[in-house]
Amino acid sequence: MAFANDVISLDDLKLRMHEENEHEETIRAQLMSESSMEKAIHKLSKQDVMTFAQSIKENWPHLELDHKKGF
């Protein structure tokens, strides 16, 4: 927008876009790293699943619509 409004030059825009692209690549690498992926995965034990399955009828009214659709 700054370039379109003649606030910065084309060279300045190119430099800033290069910086932003590097910043984006760094963030993407962090998101795709194994450590961040492992943190996002939560495994349930068989007992947790059984407890949840047994209590689903009483908890049904409290579930969000997306979760209900998932079941």
N, C-alpha and C. Protein backbone atom coordinates (compact mmCIF):
# COMPACT_ATOMS: atom_id res chain seq x y z
N MET A 1 0.83 -1.19 0.00
CA MET A 1 0.00 0.00 0.00
C MET A 1 0.87 1.24 0.00
N ALA A 2 1.99 1.18 0.72
CA ALA A 2 2.89 2.33 0.76
C ALA A 2 3.45 2.61 -0.63
N PHE A 3 3.79 1.56 -1.36
CA PHE A 3 4.30 1.74 -2.72
C PHE A 3 3.21 2.31 -3.62
N ALA A 4 2.01 1.78 -3.51
CA ALA A 4 0.91 2.25 -4.34
C ALA A 4 0.58 3.71 -4.07
N ASN A 5 0.82 4.16 -2.85
CA ASN A 5 0.56 5.55 -2.47
C ASN A 5 1.79 6.43 -2.62
N ASP A 6 2.83 5.92 -3.31
CA ASP A 6 4.08 6.65 -3.57
C ASP A 6 4.77 7.12 -2.29
N VAL A 7 4.68 6.32 -1.23
CA VAL A 7 5.35 6.65 0.02
C VAL A 7 6.75 6.03 0.03
N ILE A 8 6.92 4.86 -0.60
CA ILE A 8 8.24 4.22 -0.68
C ILE A 8 8.55 3.93 -2.14
N SER A 9 9.85 3.79 -2.42
CA SER A 9 10.28 3.53 -3.80
C SER A 9 10.18 2.04 -4.11
N LEU A 10 10.34 1.72 -5.39
CA LEU A 10 10.31 0.33 -5.83
C LEU A 10 11.46 -0.45 -5.21
N ASP A 11 12.63 0.16 -5.12
CA ASP A 11 13.78 -0.51 -4.51
C ASP A 11 13.52 -0.81 -3.04
N ASP A 12 12.92 0.13 -2.33
CA ASP A 12 12.59 -0.07 -0.92
C ASP A 12 11.54 -1.19 -0.79
N LEU A 13 10.58 -1.22 -1.68
CA LEU A 13 9.56 -2.27 -1.67
C LEU A 13 10.20 -3.64 -1.88
N LYS A 14 11.12 -3.74 -2.84
CA LYS A 14 11.80 -5.01 -3.10
C LYS A 14 12.58 -5.46 -1.87
N LEU A 15 13.28 -4.54 -1.22
CA LEU A 15 14.06 -4.86 -0.03
C LEU A 15 13.14 -5.35 1.10
N ARG A 16 12.06 -4.64 1.31
CA ARG A 16 11.13 -5.04 2.38
C ARG A 16 10.44 -6.36 2.07
N MET A 17 10.11 -6.61 0.81
CA MET A 17 9.50 -7.89 0.44
C MET A 17 10.48 -9.03 0.65
N HIS A 18 11.76 -8.81 0.34
CA HIS A 18 12.77 -9.84 0.58
C HIS A 18 12.87 -10.15 2.07
N GLU A 19 12.87 -9.11 2.90
CA GLU A 19 12.92 -9.31 4.36
C GLU A 19 11.69 -10.08 4.84
N GLU A 20 10.53 -9.72 4.34
CA GLU A 20 9.29 -10.39 4.76
C GLU A 20 9.26 -11.84 4.30
N ASN A 21 9.78 -12.11 3.11
CA ASN A 21 9.83 -13.49 2.63
C ASN A 21 10.75 -14.34 3.49
N GLU A 22 11.88 -13.79 3.90
CA GLU A 22 12.79 -14.52 4.79
C GLU A 22 12.12 -14.78 6.13
N HIS A 23 11.43 -13.78 6.64
CA HIS A 23 10.73 -13.91 7.92
C HIS A 23 9.65 -14.99 7.82
N GLU A 24 8.92 -15.01 6.72
CA GLU A 24 7.88 -16.02 6.51
C GLU A 24 8.48 -17.42 6.43
N GLU A 25 9.59 -17.57 5.73
CA GLU A 25 10.25 -18.87 5.63
C GLU A 25 10.70 -19.37 7.00
N THR A 26 11.20 -18.48 7.84
CA THR A 26 11.63 -18.84 9.18
C THR A 26 10.44 -19.34 10.01
N ILE A 27 9.35 -18.64 9.93
CA ILE A 27 8.16 -19.03 10.67
C ILE A 27 7.62 -20.36 10.17
N ARG A 28 7.59 -20.56 8.85
CA ARG A 28 7.12 -21.83 8.28
C ARG A 28 8.00 -22.99 8.75
N ALA A 29 9.32 -22.76 8.79
CA ALA A 29 10.23 -23.81 9.25
C ALA A 29 9.95 -24.17 10.70
N GLN A 30 9.69 -23.17 11.52
CA GLN A 30 9.37 -23.42 12.92
C GLN A 30 8.09 -24.22 13.06
N LEU A 31 7.10 -23.88 12.27
CA LEU A 31 5.81 -24.57 12.35
C LEU A 31 5.93 -26.02 11.88
N MET A 32 6.79 -26.26 10.93
CA MET A 32 6.91 -27.60 10.37
C MET A 32 7.93 -28.47 11.11
N SER A 33 8.64 -27.90 12.05
CA SER A 33 9.65 -28.68 12.77
C SER A 33 8.98 -29.78 13.58
N GLU A 34 9.70 -30.84 13.80
CA GLU A 34 9.15 -31.99 14.52
C GLU A 34 8.74 -31.65 15.93
N SER A 35 9.50 -30.80 16.58
CA SER A 35 9.18 -30.49 17.97
C SER A 35 7.83 -29.81 18.09
N SER A 36 7.50 -28.91 17.18
CA SER A 36 6.21 -28.25 17.26
C SER A 36 5.09 -29.20 16.87
N MET A 37 5.37 -30.13 15.98
CA MET A 37 4.35 -31.11 15.58
C MET A 37 4.07 -32.08 16.73
N GLU A 38 5.10 -32.46 17.46
CA GLU A 38 4.91 -33.38 18.58
C GLU A 38 4.10 -32.74 19.70
N LYS A 39 4.28 -31.46 19.90
CA LYS A 39 3.53 -30.78 20.95
C LYS A 39 2.05 -30.73 20.62
N ALA A 40 1.70 -30.69 19.34
CA ALA A 40 0.31 -30.57 18.94
C ALA A 40 -0.44 -31.90 19.01
N ILE A 41 0.27 -33.01 19.03
CA ILE A 41 -0.37 -34.32 19.03
C ILE A 41 -0.52 -34.82 20.46
N HIS A 42 -1.77 -35.04 20.84
CA HIS A 42 -2.06 -35.57 22.16
C HIS A 42 -2.66 -36.95 21.97
N LYS A 43 -2.07 -37.94 22.57
CA LYS A 43 -2.58 -39.29 22.45
C LYS A 43 -3.41 -39.63 23.68
N LEU A 44 -4.54 -40.29 23.43
CA LEU A 44 -5.40 -40.72 24.51
C LEU A 44 -5.16 -42.20 24.80
N SER A 45 -5.25 -42.54 26.04
CA SER A 45 -5.13 -43.95 26.40
C SER A 45 -6.46 -44.63 26.12
N LYS A 46 -6.45 -45.95 26.10
CA LYS A 46 -7.69 -46.69 25.89
C LYS A 46 -8.69 -46.38 26.98
N GLN A 47 -8.19 -46.21 28.21
CA GLN A 47 -9.07 -45.89 29.34
C GLN A 47 -9.71 -44.52 29.15
N ASP A 48 -8.96 -43.54 28.65
CA ASP A 48 -9.53 -42.22 28.39
C ASP A 48 -10.65 -42.30 27.36
N VAL A 49 -10.43 -43.08 26.32
CA VAL A 49 -11.44 -43.22 25.27
C VAL A 49 -12.69 -43.90 25.83
N MET A 50 -12.50 -44.93 26.62
CA MET A 50 -13.64 -45.64 27.21
C MET A 50 -14.43 -44.73 28.16
N THR A 51 -13.73 -43.96 28.97
CA THR A 51 -14.39 -43.04 29.89
C THR A 51 -15.19 -42.01 29.13
N PHE A 52 -14.59 -41.48 28.07
CA PHE A 52 -15.30 -40.49 27.26
C PHE A 52 -16.52 -41.10 26.59
N ALA A 53 -16.38 -42.28 26.03
CA ALA A 53 -17.49 -42.94 25.35
C ALA A 53 -18.64 -43.20 26.31
N GLN A 54 -18.32 -43.57 27.53
CA GLN A 54 -19.36 -43.85 28.52
C GLN A 54 -20.07 -42.58 28.98
N SER A 55 -19.39 -41.45 28.94
CA SER A 55 -19.99 -40.21 29.44
C SER A 55 -20.54 -39.33 28.32
N ILE A 56 -20.48 -39.79 27.08
CA ILE A 56 -20.89 -38.93 25.96
C ILE A 56 -22.37 -38.55 26.02
N LYS A 57 -23.20 -39.47 26.45
CA LYS A 57 -24.64 -39.17 26.51
C LYS A 57 -24.93 -38.02 27.47
N GLU A 58 -24.30 -38.03 28.61
CA GLU A 58 -24.56 -36.95 29.58
C GLU A 58 -23.86 -35.65 29.20
N ASN A 59 -22.78 -35.74 28.41
CA ASN A 59 -22.05 -34.53 28.01
C ASN A 59 -22.50 -33.97 26.66
N TRP A 60 -23.37 -34.68 25.96
CA TRP A 60 -23.80 -34.30 24.62
C TRP A 60 -24.30 -32.84 24.55
N PRO A 61 -25.14 -32.38 25.48
CA PRO A 61 -25.62 -31.00 25.38
C PRO A 61 -24.51 -29.95 25.53
N HIS A 62 -23.39 -30.33 26.10
CA HIS A 62 -22.31 -29.38 26.34
C HIS A 62 -21.29 -29.33 25.20
N LEU A 63 -21.39 -30.25 24.26
CA LEU A 63 -20.44 -30.30 23.16
C LEU A 63 -20.75 -29.22 22.13
N GLU A 64 -19.70 -28.77 21.45
CA GLU A 64 -19.89 -27.80 20.37
C GLU A 64 -20.44 -28.51 19.14
N LEU A 65 -21.10 -27.78 18.28
CA LEU A 65 -21.76 -28.35 17.11
C LEU A 65 -20.77 -29.12 16.22
N ASP A 66 -19.58 -28.57 16.02
CA ASP A 66 -18.57 -29.25 15.19
C ASP A 66 -18.19 -30.61 15.77
N HIS A 67 -18.08 -30.69 17.09
CA HIS A 67 -17.75 -31.96 17.73
C HIS A 67 -18.89 -32.96 17.59
N LYS A 68 -20.11 -32.46 17.71
CA LYS A 68 -21.26 -33.34 17.53
C LYS A 68 -21.28 -33.92 16.11
N LYS A 69 -20.99 -33.07 15.15
CA LYS A 69 -20.95 -33.52 13.76
C LYS A 69 -19.84 -34.55 13.55
N GLY A 70 -18.75 -34.38 14.25
CA GLY A 70 -17.64 -35.33 14.15
C GLY A 70 -18.01 -36.72 14.63
N PHE A 71 -18.86 -36.77 15.63
CA PHE A 71 -19.29 -38.07 16.16
C PHE A 71 -20.32 -38.67 15.25
